[in-house]
Amino acid sequence: MRNLLIVVDGPSQAEAAARRVALLARSEEIGAIHLLSVQAPFSRYIARFLNRSTIRSFQRDEGVKAMAGARGVLDEAHLPYTAHIRVGRPAETITQAATELGVHEIVIGVDELGVLDHLFLRFLVARIVQLAEVPVLLVKTPRRNLTTRGWRPAFSR
């Protein structure tokens, strides 16, 4: 039995990763599923103007929103899971959680990205792979159909 950690960044990425885990659960026995949303800490400048409970509430609400897609998929598949929301630097927080929770694999959903987002994701994934002691699985979200809105690829006729 494998224990899995699904890293949640946004609803579509989380949903894709959860669908992959649900598919895995059909063919093999999954021990524990953990959902993890990592929220960025507020800068000291911003934190001066807000009390701690307001900051924690905001970070919790953002984490819950990010997990919505994954929760729906796992609930629909009748797979039990545990949700975690942590605050910190993403790569370090993800790998620390993986170690603490005793997972055997980290599952990350990735979306179609712009150039800068793609560079950030490559850096983040490289850092996670460097720090993690377990395999990291990237799951691509389904392609969006841009032609339905009148868009066409740049080089098509």
C-alpha atoms as a PDB file:
ATOM      1  CA  MET A   1       0.000   0.000   0.000  1.00  0.00           C
ATOM      2  CA  ARG A   2       1.311   3.387  -1.010  1.00  0.00           C
ATOM      3  CA  ASN A   3       0.696   6.632   0.804  1.00  0.00           C
ATOM      4  CA  LEU A   4       0.340   9.598  -1.566  1.00  0.00           C
ATOM      5  CA  LEU A   5       0.662  13.356  -1.175  1.00  0.00           C
ATOM      6  CA  ILE A   6      -1.317  15.467  -3.647  1.00  0.00           C
ATOM      7  CA  VAL A   7       0.074  18.987  -3.832  1.00  0.00           C
ATOM      8  CA  VAL A   8      -2.741  21.446  -4.393  1.00  0.00           C
ATOM      9  CA  ASP A   9      -2.050  24.741  -6.157  1.00  0.00           C
ATOM     10  CA  GLY A  10      -5.341  25.545  -7.852  1.00  0.00           C
ATOM     11  CA  PRO A  11      -8.665  23.844  -8.544  1.00  0.00           C
ATOM     12  CA  SER A  12      -7.857  22.550 -12.048  1.00  0.00           C
ATOM     13  CA  GLN A  13      -4.380  21.286 -11.142  1.00  0.00           C
ATOM     14  CA  ALA A  14      -5.665  19.643  -7.983  1.00  0.00           C
ATOM     15  CA  GLU A  15      -8.512  18.014  -9.863  1.00  0.00           C
ATOM     16  CA  ALA A  16      -6.139  16.527 -12.459  1.00  0.00           C
ATOM     17  CA  ALA A  17      -3.838  15.134  -9.763  1.00  0.00           C
ATOM     18  CA  ALA A  18      -6.798  13.715  -7.805  1.00  0.00           C
ATOM     19  CA  ARG A  19      -8.186  12.051 -10.954  1.00  0.00           C
ATOM     20  CA  ARG A  20      -4.811  10.366 -11.475  1.00  0.00           C
ATOM     21  CA  VAL A  21      -4.814   9.124  -7.885  1.00  0.00           C
ATOM     22  CA  ALA A  22      -8.410   7.868  -8.259  1.00  0.00           C
ATOM     23  CA  LEU A  23      -7.326   5.995 -11.385  1.00  0.00           C
ATOM     24  CA  LEU A  24      -4.380   4.473  -9.501  1.00  0.00           C
ATOM     25  CA  ALA A  25      -6.729   3.410  -6.697  1.00  0.00           C
ATOM     26  CA  ARG A  26      -8.682   1.275  -9.166  1.00  0.00           C
ATOM     27  CA  SER A  27      -5.648  -0.867  -9.987  1.00  0.00           C
ATOM     28  CA  GLU A  28      -3.765  -0.937  -6.688  1.00  0.00           C
ATOM     29  CA  GLU A  29      -4.434  -0.461  -3.024  1.00  0.00           C
ATOM     30  CA  ILE A  30      -3.722   3.046  -1.768  1.00  0.00           C
ATOM     31  CA  GLY A  31      -2.940   3.437   1.933  1.00  0.00           C
ATOM     32  CA  ALA A  32      -3.438   7.104   2.734  1.00  0.00           C
ATOM     33  CA  ILE A  33      -4.094  10.143   0.585  1.00  0.00           C
ATOM     34  CA  HIS A  34      -3.001  13.545   1.829  1.00  0.00           C
ATOM     35  CA  LEU A  35      -3.957  16.846   0.197  1.00  0.00           C
ATOM     36  CA  LEU A  36      -1.504  19.670   0.826  1.00  0.00           C
ATOM     37  CA  SER A  37      -1.988  23.343   0.066  1.00  0.00           C
ATOM     38  CA  VAL A  38       1.026  25.543   0.725  1.00  0.00           C
ATOM     39  CA  GLN A  39       0.236  29.193   1.303  1.00  0.00           C
ATOM     40  CA  ALA A  40       2.862  31.903   1.007  1.00  0.00           C
ATOM     41  CA  PRO A  41       3.615  33.795   4.197  1.00  0.00           C
ATOM     42  CA  PHE A  42       2.694  37.458   4.313  1.00  0.00           C
ATOM     43  CA  SER A  43       5.572  39.909   4.247  1.00  0.00           C
ATOM     44  CA  ARG A  44       6.385  41.638   7.506  1.00  0.00           C
ATOM     45  CA  TYR A  45       5.253  44.929   6.004  1.00  0.00           C
ATOM     46  CA  ILE A  46       1.750  43.639   5.269  1.00  0.00           C
ATOM     47  CA  ALA A  47       1.580  41.628   8.488  1.00  0.00           C
ATOM     48  CA  ARG A  48       2.050  44.849  10.486  1.00  0.00           C
ATOM     49  CA  PHE A  49      -1.409  45.997   9.414  1.00  0.00           C
ATOM     50  CA  LEU A  50      -3.296  42.748   9.988  1.00  0.00           C
ATOM     51  CA  ASN A  51      -3.746  40.655  13.091  1.00  0.00           C
ATOM     52  CA  ARG A  52      -2.660  37.009  13.119  1.00  0.00           C
ATOM     53  CA  SER A  53      -6.159  35.579  13.159  1.00  0.00           C
ATOM     54  CA  THR A  54      -7.088  37.536  10.017  1.00  0.00           C
ATOM     55  CA  ILE A  55      -3.965  36.290   8.233  1.00  0.00           C
ATOM     56  CA  ARG A  56      -4.559  32.674   9.310  1.00  0.00           C
ATOM     57  CA  SER A  57      -8.206  32.868   8.286  1.00  0.00           C
ATOM     58  CA  PHE A  58      -7.280  34.229   4.859  1.00  0.00           C
ATOM     59  CA  GLN A  59      -4.634  31.535   4.306  1.00  0.00           C
ATOM     60  CA  ARG A  60      -7.029  28.807   5.440  1.00  0.00           C
ATOM     61  CA  ASP A  61      -9.774  30.078   3.114  1.00  0.00           C
ATOM     62  CA  GLU A  62      -7.358  30.201   0.154  1.00  0.00           C
ATOM     63  CA  GLY A  63      -6.190  26.663   0.916  1.00  0.00           C
ATOM     64  CA  VAL A  64      -9.758  25.382   1.099  1.00  0.00           C
ATOM     65  CA  LYS A  65     -10.583  27.049  -2.249  1.00  0.00           C
ATOM     66  CA  ALA A  66      -7.542  25.481  -3.878  1.00  0.00           C
ATOM     67  CA  MET A  67      -8.560  22.025  -2.620  1.00  0.00           C
ATOM     68  CA  ALA A  68     -12.138  22.177  -3.881  1.00  0.00           C
ATOM     69  CA  GLY A  69     -11.496  20.357  -7.152  1.00  0.00           C
ATOM     70  CA  ALA A  70      -9.463  17.562  -5.577  1.00  0.00           C
ATOM     71  CA  ARG A  71     -11.935  17.086  -2.763  1.00  0.00           C
ATOM     72  CA  GLY A  72     -14.787  16.713  -5.227  1.00  0.00           C
ATOM     73  CA  VAL A  73     -12.948  14.078  -7.251  1.00  0.00           C
ATOM     74  CA  LEU A  74     -11.867  12.081  -4.198  1.00  0.00           C
ATOM     75  CA  ASP A  75     -15.321  12.291  -2.625  1.00  0.00           C
ATOM     76  CA  GLU A  76     -16.893  11.110  -5.881  1.00  0.00           C
ATOM     77  CA  ALA A  77     -14.461   8.157  -5.993  1.00  0.00           C
ATOM     78  CA  HIS A  78     -15.192   7.393  -2.305  1.00  0.00           C
ATOM     79  CA  LEU A  79     -11.517   7.667  -1.402  1.00  0.00           C
ATOM     80  CA  PRO A  80     -10.685   8.841   2.124  1.00  0.00           C
ATOM     81  CA  TYR A  81      -8.164  11.655   2.436  1.00  0.00           C
ATOM     82  CA  THR A  82      -6.709  14.093   4.927  1.00  0.00           C
ATOM     83  CA  ALA A  83      -6.419  17.793   4.077  1.00  0.00           C
ATOM     84  CA  HIS A  84      -3.460  19.891   5.224  1.00  0.00           C
ATOM     85  CA  ILE A  85      -2.864  23.616   4.840  1.00  0.00           C
ATOM     86  CA  ARG A  86       0.616  24.878   5.634  1.00  0.00           C
ATOM     87  CA  VAL A  87       2.391  28.200   5.359  1.00  0.00           C
ATOM     88  CA  GLY A  88       5.949  28.483   4.102  1.00  0.00           C
ATOM     89  CA  ARG A  89       8.290  28.243   1.149  1.00  0.00           C
ATOM     90  CA  PRO A  90       6.673  25.820  -1.310  1.00  0.00           C
ATOM     91  CA  ALA A  91       9.441  23.301  -2.092  1.00  0.00           C
ATOM     92  CA  GLU A  92      10.714  23.055   1.454  1.00  0.00           C
ATOM     93  CA  THR A  93       7.222  22.842   2.947  1.00  0.00           C
ATOM     94  CA  ILE A  94       6.121  20.147   0.471  1.00  0.00           C
ATOM     95  CA  THR A  95       9.149  17.934   1.068  1.00  0.00           C
ATOM     96  CA  GLN A  96       8.977  18.431   4.832  1.00  0.00           C
ATOM     97  CA  ALA A  97       5.300  17.418   4.808  1.00  0.00           C
ATOM     98  CA  ALA A  98       6.102  14.374   2.657  1.00  0.00           C
ATOM     99  CA  THR A  99       8.686  13.251   5.188  1.00  0.00           C
ATOM    100  CA  GLU A 100       6.476  13.922   8.219  1.00  0.00           C
ATOM    101  CA  LEU A 101       3.459  12.164   6.685  1.00  0.00           C
ATOM    102  CA  GLY A 102       5.493   9.166   5.510  1.00  0.00           C
ATOM    103  CA  VAL A 103       4.287   9.283   1.915  1.00  0.00           C
ATOM    104  CA  HIS A 104       5.731   7.141  -0.857  1.00  0.00           C
ATOM    105  CA  GLU A 105       5.034   9.542  -3.729  1.00  0.00           C
ATOM    106  CA  ILE A 106       4.286  13.228  -4.334  1.00  0.00           C
ATOM    107  CA  VAL A 107       1.676  13.980  -7.015  1.00  0.00           C
ATOM    108  CA  ILE A 108       1.574  17.469  -8.554  1.00  0.00           C
ATOM    109  CA  GLY A 109      -0.926  18.685 -11.143  1.00  0.00           C
ATOM    110  CA  VAL A 110       0.413  21.144 -13.725  1.00  0.00           C
ATOM    111  CA  ASP A 111      -1.594  23.429 -15.992  1.00  0.00           C
ATOM    112  CA  GLU A 112      -0.953  25.033 -19.372  1.00  0.00           C
ATOM    113  CA  LEU A 113       1.259  27.927 -18.468  1.00  0.00           C
ATOM    114  CA  GLY A 114       2.734  31.107 -19.839  1.00  0.00           C
ATOM    115  CA  VAL A 115       6.478  31.430 -20.221  1.00  0.00           C
ATOM    116  CA  LEU A 116       7.140  32.960 -16.799  1.00  0.00           C
ATOM    117  CA  ASP A 117       4.818  30.546 -15.021  1.00  0.00           C
ATOM    118  CA  HIS A 118       6.518  27.664 -16.827  1.00  0.00           C
ATOM    119  CA  LEU A 119       9.966  28.834 -15.688  1.00  0.00           C
ATOM    120  CA  PHE A 120       8.769  29.179 -12.093  1.00  0.00           C
ATOM    121  CA  LEU A 121       7.196  25.707 -12.200  1.00  0.00           C
ATOM    122  CA  ARG A 122      10.404  24.178 -13.586  1.00  0.00           C
ATOM    123  CA  PHE A 123      12.395  25.786 -10.791  1.00  0.00           C
ATOM    124  CA  LEU A 124       9.905  24.650  -8.146  1.00  0.00           C
ATOM    125  CA  VAL A 125       9.707  21.067  -9.424  1.00  0.00           C
ATOM    126  CA  ALA A 126      13.496  20.863  -9.724  1.00  0.00           C
ATOM    127  CA  ARG A 127      13.808  22.039  -6.123  1.00  0.00           C
ATOM    128  CA  ILE A 128      11.184  19.532  -4.918  1.00  0.00           C
ATOM    129  CA  VAL A 129      12.925  16.684  -6.762  1.00  0.00           C
ATOM    130  CA  GLN A 130      16.243  17.769  -5.253  1.00  0.00           C
ATOM    131  CA  LEU A 131      14.885  17.848  -1.691  1.00  0.00           C
ATOM    132  CA  ALA A 132      12.399  14.952  -1.785  1.00  0.00           C
ATOM    133  CA  GLU A 133      13.321  11.449  -0.759  1.00  0.00           C
ATOM    134  CA  VAL A 134      10.378   9.981  -2.700  1.00  0.00           C
ATOM    135  CA  PRO A 135       9.358  10.037  -6.398  1.00  0.00           C
ATOM    136  CA  VAL A 136       7.529  13.079  -7.773  1.00  0.00           C
ATOM    137  CA  LEU A 137       4.759  12.522 -10.345  1.00  0.00           C
ATOM    138  CA  LEU A 138       3.635  15.428 -12.550  1.00  0.00           C
ATOM    139  CA  VAL A 139       0.116  15.187 -13.973  1.00  0.00           C
ATOM    140  CA  LYS A 140      -0.847  17.501 -16.822  1.00  0.00           C
ATOM    141  CA  THR A 141      -4.332  18.967 -16.789  1.00  0.00           C
ATOM    142  CA  PRO A 142      -6.489  18.349 -19.875  1.00  0.00           C
ATOM    143  CA  ARG A 143      -5.976  20.857 -22.698  1.00  0.00           C
ATOM    144  CA  ARG A 144      -8.454  23.654 -22.964  1.00  0.00           C
ATOM    145  CA  ASN A 145     -10.151  23.967 -26.327  1.00  0.00           C
ATOM    146  CA  LEU A 146      -9.324  27.492 -27.475  1.00  0.00           C
ATOM    147  CA  THR A 147     -10.979  27.096 -30.880  1.00  0.00           C
ATOM    148  CA  THR A 148     -14.431  27.186 -29.297  1.00  0.00           C
ATOM    149  CA  ARG A 149     -13.872  30.851 -28.472  1.00  0.00           C
ATOM    150  CA  GLY A 150     -12.691  31.742 -31.949  1.00  0.00           C
ATOM    151  CA  TRP A 151      -8.975  31.373 -31.206  1.00  0.00           C
ATOM    152  CA  ARG A 152      -6.688  29.568 -33.611  1.00  0.00           C
ATOM    153  CA  PRO A 153      -3.073  28.523 -33.348  1.00  0.00           C
ATOM    154  CA  ALA A 154      -0.731  31.221 -34.686  1.00  0.00           C
ATOM    155  CA  PHE A 155       0.607  29.141 -37.578  1.00  0.00           C
ATOM    156  CA  SER A 156      -2.596  27.502 -38.777  1.00  0.00           C
ATOM    157  CA  ARG A 157      -4.383  28.452 -41.989  1.00  0.00           C
END
